[in-house]
Amino acid sequence: MRVVLALVAIALAGCPRAGGEYAQGDRMGGADRGETNGRTFDFASHRSEGDDWQIRIRDDSMWVEYSSGDEVAKDLGTKQLSEREARRIWDLIDTVEIFERKKGKPNEEDGYYELVLREPSDDEDEGHTRKAIYVSRDTDDEDVQALAEYLVKLIGKYHPSYKDDEDVL
């Protein structure tokens, strides 16, 4: 059994993933923990009444955290999206065109979304390019609304206790 697990680990270690590539790391006192050199998207929904949703999309995985007011944040964990879901969410992210937008400002009164896109830079010495924008939750922007609606759908699917919750995002 150990031999089989070792062979599977060796085989998987060499498989590239669509979201990035493994890079030798030299951090943490010499321990090779590697780095993922790929795209990352963070979506935070800050509601005026104090509820916050944090969502991170990396390749085909989605991590979600929720906090309500003064409560301790609930880490809902990471789920692997289907290939179709991953393709759809990245298409919606690209449609928003974060790098072409103005930064905007947080709207504490109505609440706001914070969208952060991190992409590998074309220049190897640069590392990554990162852009953060703020959009009021009271937006008429159909691209941002479509992205938020799809995130709500994914949260409902992978975290069923929030499926019909009107306060998701």
N, C-alpha and C. Protein backbone atom coordinates (compact mmCIF):
# COMPACT_ATOMS: atom_id res chain seq x y z
N MET A 1 0.83 -1.19 0.00
CA MET A 1 0.00 0.00 0.00
C MET A 1 0.87 1.25 0.00
N ARG A 2 1.93 1.26 0.81
CA ARG A 2 2.82 2.43 0.87
C ARG A 2 3.47 2.68 -0.48
N VAL A 3 3.82 1.60 -1.17
CA VAL A 3 4.46 1.74 -2.48
C VAL A 3 3.50 2.40 -3.47
N VAL A 4 2.23 1.98 -3.43
CA VAL A 4 1.23 2.55 -4.32
C VAL A 4 1.04 4.04 -4.02
N LEU A 5 0.93 4.42 -2.74
CA LEU A 5 0.77 5.81 -2.37
C LEU A 5 1.99 6.64 -2.78
N ALA A 6 3.16 6.07 -2.62
CA ALA A 6 4.38 6.78 -3.02
C ALA A 6 4.40 7.01 -4.53
N LEU A 7 4.00 5.99 -5.31
CA LEU A 7 3.98 6.15 -6.77
C LEU A 7 2.94 7.18 -7.20
N VAL A 8 1.78 7.20 -6.54
CA VAL A 8 0.76 8.19 -6.86
C VAL A 8 1.28 9.59 -6.53
N ALA A 9 1.93 9.76 -5.39
CA ALA A 9 2.48 11.06 -5.01
C ALA A 9 3.52 11.53 -6.01
N ILE A 10 4.38 10.63 -6.45
CA ILE A 10 5.41 10.99 -7.43
C ILE A 10 4.77 11.37 -8.75
N ALA A 11 3.77 10.63 -9.18
CA ALA A 11 3.09 10.92 -10.45
C ALA A 11 2.38 12.27 -10.39
N LEU A 12 1.71 12.55 -9.28
CA LEU A 12 0.97 13.80 -9.15
C LEU A 12 1.91 15.00 -9.02
N ALA A 13 3.05 14.82 -8.43
CA ALA A 13 3.99 15.92 -8.25
C ALA A 13 4.43 16.51 -9.58
N GLY A 14 4.48 15.72 -10.60
CA GLY A 14 4.93 16.21 -11.90
C GLY A 14 3.83 16.73 -12.79
N CYS A 15 2.59 16.68 -12.34
CA CYS A 15 1.46 17.09 -13.18
C CYS A 15 1.22 18.59 -13.02
N PRO A 16 1.34 19.34 -14.10
CA PRO A 16 1.03 20.78 -14.00
C PRO A 16 -0.47 20.98 -13.90
N ARG A 17 -0.87 22.07 -13.24
CA ARG A 17 -2.29 22.43 -13.12
C ARG A 17 -2.53 23.71 -13.88
N ALA A 18 -3.73 23.92 -14.28
CA ALA A 18 -4.05 25.08 -15.10
C ALA A 18 -3.82 26.40 -14.38
N GLY A 19 -3.88 26.40 -13.05
CA GLY A 19 -3.78 27.65 -12.31
C GLY A 19 -2.38 28.11 -12.02
N GLY A 20 -1.37 27.39 -12.35
CA GLY A 20 -0.01 27.83 -12.07
C GLY A 20 0.96 26.69 -12.14
N GLU A 21 2.17 26.99 -11.73
CA GLU A 21 3.20 25.97 -11.77
C GLU A 21 3.97 26.00 -10.47
N TYR A 22 4.52 24.89 -10.08
CA TYR A 22 5.29 24.78 -8.86
C TYR A 22 6.63 25.45 -9.05
N ALA A 23 7.02 26.25 -8.09
CA ALA A 23 8.33 26.90 -8.14
C ALA A 23 9.08 26.58 -6.86
N GLN A 24 10.34 26.25 -6.97
CA GLN A 24 11.17 25.94 -5.81
C GLN A 24 11.16 27.15 -4.88
N GLY A 25 10.87 26.93 -3.62
CA GLY A 25 10.82 28.03 -2.67
C GLY A 25 12.05 28.03 -1.78
N ASP A 26 12.43 29.22 -1.28
CA ASP A 26 13.58 29.29 -0.38
C ASP A 26 13.21 30.02 0.89
N ARG A 27 11.97 29.94 1.29
CA ARG A 27 11.49 30.62 2.49
C ARG A 27 11.48 29.67 3.68
N MET A 28 11.05 30.20 4.79
CA MET A 28 10.81 29.43 6.01
C MET A 28 12.04 28.65 6.46
N GLY A 29 13.15 29.34 6.59
CA GLY A 29 14.35 28.70 7.13
C GLY A 29 14.87 27.57 6.26
N GLY A 30 14.69 27.67 4.97
CA GLY A 30 15.24 26.66 4.07
C GLY A 30 14.27 25.55 3.72
N ALA A 31 13.13 25.46 4.40
CA ALA A 31 12.16 24.41 4.07
C ALA A 31 11.55 24.71 2.71
N ASP A 32 11.55 23.73 1.83
CA ASP A 32 10.99 23.93 0.49
C ASP A 32 9.49 23.73 0.53
N ARG A 33 8.78 24.82 0.64
CA ARG A 33 7.32 24.76 0.65
C ARG A 33 6.75 25.09 -0.71
N GLY A 34 7.60 25.57 -1.61
CA GLY A 34 7.17 25.87 -2.97
C GLY A 34 6.26 27.08 -3.02
N GLU A 35 5.90 27.48 -4.20
CA GLU A 35 5.01 28.59 -4.44
C GLU A 35 4.10 28.23 -5.60
N THR A 36 2.89 28.75 -5.58
CA THR A 36 2.03 28.58 -6.73
C THR A 36 2.09 29.88 -7.52
N ASN A 37 2.55 29.77 -8.73
CA ASN A 37 2.70 30.96 -9.57
C ASN A 37 1.55 30.99 -10.55
N GLY A 38 0.40 31.43 -10.08
CA GLY A 38 -0.78 31.44 -10.93
C GLY A 38 -1.72 32.56 -10.55
N ARG A 39 -2.87 32.56 -11.17
CA ARG A 39 -3.88 33.58 -10.92
C ARG A 39 -4.63 33.30 -9.62
N THR A 40 -4.94 34.38 -8.91
CA THR A 40 -5.75 34.30 -7.71
C THR A 40 -6.75 35.45 -7.74
N PHE A 41 -7.98 35.14 -7.37
CA PHE A 41 -9.01 36.16 -7.30
C PHE A 41 -9.62 36.14 -5.90
N ASP A 42 -9.67 37.30 -5.27
CA ASP A 42 -10.31 37.45 -3.96
C ASP A 42 -11.52 38.35 -4.11
N PHE A 43 -12.62 37.89 -3.54
CA PHE A 43 -13.87 38.65 -3.54
C PHE A 43 -14.31 38.79 -2.09
N ALA A 44 -14.44 40.03 -1.64
CA ALA A 44 -14.93 40.26 -0.28
C ALA A 44 -16.19 41.10 -0.37
N SER A 45 -17.20 40.68 0.36
CA SER A 45 -18.45 41.42 0.43
C SER A 45 -18.57 41.98 1.84
N HIS A 46 -18.56 43.29 1.94
CA HIS A 46 -18.67 43.97 3.23
C HIS A 46 -20.05 44.61 3.30
N ARG A 47 -20.89 44.03 4.13
CA ARG A 47 -22.26 44.55 4.25
C ARG A 47 -22.28 45.67 5.29
N SER A 48 -23.17 46.62 5.11
CA SER A 48 -23.24 47.78 6.01
C SER A 48 -23.57 47.37 7.44
N GLU A 49 -24.28 46.26 7.62
CA GLU A 49 -24.64 45.82 8.97
C GLU A 49 -23.55 45.00 9.64
N GLY A 50 -22.41 44.83 8.96
CA GLY A 50 -21.26 44.19 9.60
C GLY A 50 -20.94 42.78 9.13
N ASP A 51 -21.78 42.17 8.31
CA ASP A 51 -21.48 40.83 7.79
C ASP A 51 -20.40 40.93 6.72
N ASP A 52 -19.48 39.99 6.75
CA ASP A 52 -18.42 39.95 5.75
C ASP A 52 -18.28 38.55 5.18
N TRP A 53 -18.16 38.48 3.86
CA TRP A 53 -17.86 37.24 3.16
C TRP A 53 -16.50 37.40 2.49
N GLN A 54 -15.65 36.40 2.63
CA GLN A 54 -14.35 36.37 1.96
C GLN A 54 -14.32 35.12 1.09
N ILE A 55 -14.02 35.30 -0.19
CA ILE A 55 -13.97 34.17 -1.11
C ILE A 55 -12.67 34.27 -1.90
N ARG A 56 -11.95 33.18 -2.00
CA ARG A 56 -10.73 33.15 -2.80
C ARG A 56 -10.87 32.04 -3.84
N ILE A 57 -10.61 32.41 -5.09
CA ILE A 57 -10.62 31.45 -6.19
C ILE A 57 -9.18 31.32 -6.68
N ARG A 58 -8.70 30.10 -6.69
CA ARG A 58 -7.37 29.81 -7.24
C ARG A 58 -7.51 28.55 -8.07
N ASP A 59 -7.24 28.67 -9.36
CA ASP A 59 -7.39 27.56 -10.29
C ASP A 59 -8.82 27.05 -10.20
N ASP A 60 -9.02 25.81 -9.74
CA ASP A 60 -10.37 25.26 -9.65
C ASP A 60 -10.79 25.04 -8.21
N SER A 61 -10.22 25.82 -7.28
CA SER A 61 -10.64 25.69 -5.90
C SER A 61 -11.23 27.00 -5.39
N MET A 62 -12.15 26.87 -4.45
CA MET A 62 -12.83 28.02 -3.88
C MET A 62 -12.80 27.89 -2.36
N TRP A 63 -12.24 28.89 -1.70
CA TRP A 63 -12.20 28.96 -0.24
C TRP A 63 -13.18 30.04 0.20
N VAL A 64 -13.94 29.77 1.28
CA VAL A 64 -14.96 30.71 1.74
C VAL A 64 -14.87 30.88 3.25
N GLU A 65 -15.05 32.13 3.69
CA GLU A 65 -15.11 32.45 5.11
C GLU A 65 -16.24 33.47 5.30
N TYR A 66 -16.95 33.34 6.43
CA TYR A 66 -18.07 34.24 6.72
C TYR A 66 -17.98 34.72 8.16
N SER A 67 -18.23 36.00 8.35
CA SER A 67 -18.32 36.53 9.72
C SER A 67 -19.52 37.45 9.81
N SER A 68 -20.16 37.41 10.95
CA SER A 68 -21.35 38.21 11.18
C SER A 68 -21.10 39.12 12.38
N GLY A 69 -21.03 40.42 12.12
CA GLY A 69 -20.83 41.37 13.21
C GLY A 69 -19.58 41.08 14.01
N ASP A 70 -19.76 40.90 15.31
CA ASP A 70 -18.62 40.69 16.21
C ASP A 70 -18.27 39.22 16.39
N GLU A 71 -18.99 38.32 15.72
CA GLU A 71 -18.71 36.88 15.86
C GLU A 71 -17.36 36.54 15.24
N VAL A 72 -16.79 35.45 15.71
CA VAL A 72 -15.55 34.94 15.13
C VAL A 72 -15.86 34.42 13.72
N ALA A 73 -14.98 34.70 12.79
CA ALA A 73 -15.18 34.28 11.40
C ALA A 73 -15.28 32.76 11.32
N LYS A 74 -16.19 32.28 10.46
CA LYS A 74 -16.36 30.85 10.22
C LYS A 74 -15.64 30.49 8.93
N ASP A 75 -14.61 29.69 9.05
CA ASP A 75 -13.90 29.20 7.88
C ASP A 75 -14.70 28.03 7.33
N LEU A 76 -15.35 28.25 6.19
CA LEU A 76 -16.18 27.20 5.59
C LEU A 76 -15.36 26.22 4.77
N GLY A 77 -14.09 26.50 4.62
CA GLY A 77 -13.19 25.56 3.96
C GLY A 77 -13.05 25.76 2.47
N THR A 78 -12.30 24.86 1.88
CA THR A 78 -11.99 24.90 0.46
C THR A 78 -12.71 23.76 -0.25
N LYS A 79 -13.29 24.08 -1.38
CA LYS A 79 -13.98 23.09 -2.20
C LYS A 79 -13.41 23.13 -3.61
N GLN A 80 -13.34 21.97 -4.23
CA GLN A 80 -12.88 21.91 -5.61
C GLN A 80 -14.08 22.08 -6.53
N LEU A 81 -13.95 23.04 -7.44
CA LEU A 81 -15.01 23.29 -8.41
C LEU A 81 -14.89 22.32 -9.57
N SER A 82 -16.00 22.06 -10.21
CA SER A 82 -15.95 21.23 -11.42
C SER A 82 -15.23 22.04 -12.50
N GLU A 83 -14.81 21.36 -13.55
CA GLU A 83 -14.12 22.04 -14.65
C GLU A 83 -15.03 23.12 -15.26
N ARG A 84 -16.29 22.80 -15.40
CA ARG A 84 -17.26 23.75 -15.97
C ARG A 84 -17.43 24.97 -15.07
N GLU A 85 -17.55 24.73 -13.75
CA GLU A 85 -17.71 25.83 -12.80
C GLU A 85 -16.47 26.73 -12.79
N ALA A 86 -15.30 26.11 -12.81
CA ALA A 86 -14.05 26.88 -12.80
C ALA A 86 -13.95 27.74 -14.06
N ARG A 87 -14.27 27.16 -15.19
CA ARG A 87 -14.23 27.91 -16.45
C ARG A 87 -15.22 29.09 -16.40
N ARG A 88 -16.40 28.83 -15.87
CA ARG A 88 -17.44 29.87 -15.79
C ARG A 88 -17.03 31.00 -14.85
N ILE A 89 -16.50 30.67 -13.67
CA ILE A 89 -16.14 31.73 -12.72
C ILE A 89 -15.00 32.58 -13.27
N TRP A 90 -14.00 31.94 -13.92
CA TRP A 90 -12.90 32.71 -14.49
C TRP A 90 -13.37 33.56 -15.67
N ASP A 91 -14.33 33.09 -16.45
CA ASP A 91 -14.90 33.91 -17.52
C ASP A 91 -15.60 35.15 -16.95
N LEU A 92 -16.34 34.97 -15.85
CA LEU A 92 -17.02 36.10 -15.21
C LEU A 92 -16.01 37.09 -14.62
N ILE A 93 -14.95 36.57 -14.02
CA ILE A 93 -13.90 37.43 -13.46
C ILE A 93 -13.27 38.25 -14.58
N ASP A 94 -12.95 37.59 -15.69
CA ASP A 94 -12.33 38.29 -16.82
C ASP A 94 -13.27 39.34 -17.42
N THR A 95 -14.56 39.07 -17.42
CA THR A 95 -15.55 40.00 -17.97
C THR A 95 -15.58 41.31 -17.17
N VAL A 96 -15.32 41.23 -15.88
CA VAL A 96 -15.32 42.43 -15.04
C VAL A 96 -14.16 43.37 -15.41
N GLU A 97 -13.10 42.85 -16.00
CA GLU A 97 -11.95 43.64 -16.45
C GLU A 97 -11.37 44.51 -15.32
N ILE A 98 -10.95 43.87 -14.26
CA ILE A 98 -10.45 44.55 -13.07
C ILE A 98 -9.28 45.48 -13.38
N PHE A 99 -8.34 45.05 -14.19
CA PHE A 99 -7.16 45.87 -14.48
C PHE A 99 -7.49 47.12 -15.28
N GLU A 100 -8.64 47.17 -15.95
CA GLU A 100 -9.01 48.33 -16.74
C GLU A 100 -9.88 49.31 -15.95
N ARG A 101 -10.25 48.98 -14.74
CA ARG A 101 -11.16 49.82 -13.95
C ARG A 101 -10.42 50.78 -13.03
N LYS A 102 -11.15 51.83 -12.65
CA LYS A 102 -10.65 52.73 -11.61
C LYS A 102 -10.76 52.00 -10.27
N LYS A 103 -9.94 52.43 -9.32
CA LYS A 103 -9.91 51.76 -8.03
C LYS A 103 -11.22 51.86 -7.26
N GLY A 104 -11.88 52.99 -7.32
CA GLY A 104 -13.11 53.18 -6.56
C GLY A 104 -12.82 53.38 -5.08
N LYS A 105 -13.87 53.48 -4.28
CA LYS A 105 -13.71 53.69 -2.84
C LYS A 105 -14.70 52.80 -2.08
N PRO A 106 -14.30 52.36 -0.91
CA PRO A 106 -15.25 51.61 -0.07
C PRO A 106 -16.46 52.48 0.28
N ASN A 107 -17.65 51.91 0.19
CA ASN A 107 -18.89 52.61 0.51
C ASN A 107 -19.44 52.00 1.80
N GLU A 108 -19.07 52.58 2.92
CA GLU A 108 -19.47 52.03 4.22
C GLU A 108 -20.98 52.10 4.44
N GLU A 109 -21.64 53.09 3.88
CA GLU A 109 -23.07 53.28 4.08
C GLU A 109 -23.91 52.18 3.44
N ASP A 110 -23.64 51.87 2.17
CA ASP A 110 -24.40 50.84 1.46
C ASP A 110 -23.73 49.48 1.48
N GLY A 111 -22.48 49.44 1.92
CA GLY A 111 -21.70 48.22 1.83
C GLY A 111 -20.99 48.20 0.49
N TYR A 112 -20.00 47.34 0.36
CA TYR A 112 -19.23 47.32 -0.88
C TYR A 112 -18.59 45.95 -1.10
N TYR A 113 -18.24 45.74 -2.36
CA TYR A 113 -17.47 44.57 -2.75
C TYR A 113 -16.03 45.02 -2.96
N GLU A 114 -15.12 44.17 -2.57
CA GLU A 114 -13.70 44.39 -2.84
C GLU A 114 -13.25 43.24 -3.73
N LEU A 115 -12.76 43.56 -4.91
CA LEU A 115 -12.32 42.56 -5.87
C LEU A 115 -10.82 42.73 -6.07
N VAL A 116 -10.07 41.65 -5.88
CA VAL A 116 -8.62 41.70 -6.02
C VAL A 116 -8.20 40.58 -6.98
N LEU A 117 -7.48 40.96 -8.01
CA LEU A 117 -6.97 39.99 -8.98
C LEU A 117 -5.45 40.03 -8.94
N ARG A 118 -4.86 38.87 -8.83
CA ARG A 118 -3.40 38.72 -8.80
C ARG A 118 -3.03 37.78 -9.93
N GLU A 119 -2.15 38.26 -10.82
CA GLU A 119 -1.73 37.46 -11.97
C GLU A 119 -0.22 37.43 -12.06
N PRO A 120 0.34 36.34 -12.59
CA PRO A 120 1.79 36.32 -12.80
C PRO A 120 2.17 37.42 -13.78
N SER A 121 3.26 38.08 -13.51
CA SER A 121 3.75 39.14 -14.39
C SER A 121 4.48 38.53 -15.57
N ASP A 122 4.46 39.24 -16.69
CA ASP A 122 5.23 38.80 -17.85
C ASP A 122 6.73 38.91 -17.58
N ASP A 123 7.10 39.81 -16.68
CA ASP A 123 8.50 40.01 -16.32
C ASP A 123 8.82 39.10 -15.13
N GLU A 124 9.71 38.13 -15.31
CA GLU A 124 10.02 37.16 -14.26
C GLU A 124 10.51 37.82 -12.98
N ASP A 125 11.17 38.98 -13.09
CA ASP A 125 11.68 39.66 -11.90
C ASP A 125 10.59 40.36 -11.12
N GLU A 126 9.47 40.65 -11.76
CA GLU A 126 8.37 41.36 -11.13
C GLU A 126 7.55 40.46 -10.20
N GLY A 127 7.47 39.19 -10.48
CA GLY A 127 6.65 38.28 -9.68
C GLY A 127 5.20 38.28 -10.11
N HIS A 128 4.39 39.16 -9.49
CA HIS A 128 2.96 39.21 -9.78
C HIS A 128 2.49 40.63 -9.98
N THR A 129 1.41 40.76 -10.72
CA THR A 129 0.70 42.02 -10.86
C THR A 129 -0.59 41.88 -10.07
N ARG A 130 -0.92 42.89 -9.28
CA ARG A 130 -2.08 42.82 -8.40
C ARG A 130 -2.87 44.12 -8.53
N LYS A 131 -4.19 43.99 -8.56
CA LYS A 131 -5.05 45.17 -8.60
C LYS A 131 -6.26 44.91 -7.74
N ALA A 132 -6.59 45.91 -6.92
CA ALA A 132 -7.78 45.85 -6.07
C ALA A 132 -8.72 46.97 -6.48
N ILE A 133 -10.01 46.66 -6.55
CA ILE A 133 -11.02 47.68 -6.82
C ILE A 133 -12.15 47.54 -5.80
N TYR A 134 -12.89 48.63 -5.64
CA TYR A 134 -14.03 48.65 -4.74
C TYR A 134 -15.27 49.02 -5.55
N VAL A 135 -16.35 48.29 -5.32
CA VAL A 135 -17.60 48.54 -6.03
C VAL A 135 -18.72 48.53 -4.99
N SER A 136 -19.57 49.55 -5.01
CA SER A 136 -20.68 49.62 -4.08
C SER A 136 -21.60 48.40 -4.28
N ARG A 137 -22.13 47.88 -3.18
CA ARG A 137 -23.09 46.77 -3.29
C ARG A 137 -24.35 47.23 -4.02
N ASP A 138 -24.57 48.53 -4.07
CA ASP A 138 -25.73 49.10 -4.74
C ASP A 138 -25.39 49.44 -6.20
N THR A 139 -24.62 48.60 -6.84
CA THR A 139 -24.18 48.87 -8.20
C THR A 139 -25.19 48.42 -9.24
N ASP A 140 -25.16 49.12 -10.38
CA ASP A 140 -25.97 48.70 -11.53
C ASP A 140 -25.11 47.96 -12.54
N ASP A 141 -23.85 47.75 -12.21
CA ASP A 141 -22.90 47.10 -13.12
C ASP A 141 -23.30 45.63 -13.29
N GLU A 142 -23.78 45.28 -14.47
CA GLU A 142 -24.27 43.93 -14.73
C GLU A 142 -23.17 42.87 -14.64
N ASP A 143 -21.94 43.22 -14.99
CA ASP A 143 -20.84 42.25 -14.93
C ASP A 143 -20.51 41.89 -13.47
N VAL A 144 -20.47 42.90 -12.61
CA VAL A 144 -20.21 42.65 -11.18
C VAL A 144 -21.37 41.89 -10.57
N GLN A 145 -22.60 42.26 -10.94
CA GLN A 145 -23.77 41.55 -10.42
C GLN A 145 -23.77 40.08 -10.84
N ALA A 146 -23.42 39.80 -12.08
CA ALA A 146 -23.39 38.41 -12.57
C ALA A 146 -22.34 37.60 -11.81
N LEU A 147 -21.18 38.21 -11.56
CA LEU A 147 -20.13 37.53 -10.80
C LEU A 147 -20.60 37.22 -9.38
N ALA A 148 -21.19 38.22 -8.72
CA ALA A 148 -21.69 38.02 -7.35
C ALA A 148 -22.78 36.95 -7.31
N GLU A 149 -23.69 36.97 -8.27
CA GLU A 149 -24.78 35.97 -8.31
C GLU A 149 -24.23 34.56 -8.49
N TYR A 150 -23.20 34.41 -9.31
CA TYR A 150 -22.63 33.08 -9.52
C TYR A 150 -21.89 32.60 -8.27
N LEU A 151 -21.22 33.52 -7.58
CA LEU A 151 -20.57 33.15 -6.31
C LEU A 151 -21.61 32.69 -5.29
N VAL A 152 -22.76 33.38 -5.24
CA VAL A 152 -23.85 32.97 -4.34
C VAL A 152 -24.30 31.56 -4.69
N LYS A 153 -24.44 31.28 -5.97
CA LYS A 153 -24.86 29.95 -6.43
C LYS A 153 -23.85 28.88 -6.00
N LEU A 154 -22.56 29.18 -6.16
CA LEU A 154 -21.53 28.21 -5.77
C LEU A 154 -21.51 28.00 -4.26
N ILE A 155 -21.67 29.08 -3.49
CA ILE A 155 -21.71 28.94 -2.04
C ILE A 155 -22.89 28.07 -1.63
N GLY A 156 -24.05 28.29 -2.24
CA GLY A 156 -25.23 27.48 -1.94
C GLY A 156 -25.03 26.01 -2.27
N LYS A 157 -24.31 25.73 -3.36
CA LYS A 157 -24.07 24.35 -3.76
C LYS A 157 -23.10 23.66 -2.82
N TYR A 158 -22.00 24.31 -2.51
CA TYR A 158 -20.95 23.66 -1.73
C TYR A 158 -21.08 23.85 -0.23
N HIS A 159 -21.94 24.77 0.19
CA HIS A 159 -22.22 24.99 1.60
C HIS A 159 -23.73 25.09 1.76
N PRO A 160 -24.43 23.94 1.69
CA PRO A 160 -25.90 23.91 1.62
C PRO A 160 -26.62 24.66 2.72
N SER A 161 -26.01 24.83 3.89
CA SER A 161 -26.71 25.55 4.96
C SER A 161 -26.91 27.02 4.60
N TYR A 162 -26.23 27.51 3.57
CA TYR A 162 -26.39 28.89 3.12
C TYR A 162 -27.17 28.98 1.80
N LYS A 163 -27.69 27.87 1.32
CA LYS A 163 -28.31 27.81 0.01
C LYS A 163 -29.43 28.85 -0.20
N ASP A 164 -30.35 28.95 0.72
CA ASP A 164 -31.48 29.86 0.55
C ASP A 164 -31.37 31.09 1.45
N ASP A 165 -30.18 31.35 1.94
CA ASP A 165 -29.94 32.49 2.82
C ASP A 165 -29.87 33.76 1.98
N GLU A 166 -30.75 34.70 2.23
CA GLU A 166 -30.79 35.94 1.45
C GLU A 166 -29.62 36.85 1.78
N ASP A 167 -28.89 36.56 2.87
CA ASP A 167 -27.77 37.41 3.28
C ASP A 167 -26.44 36.96 2.70
N VAL A 168 -26.45 35.97 1.82
CA VAL A 168 -25.19 35.55 1.20
C VAL A 168 -24.74 36.65 0.26
N LEU A 169 -23.59 37.14 0.51
CA LEU A 169 -22.97 38.27 -0.19
C LEU A 169 -23.85 39.47 -0.09
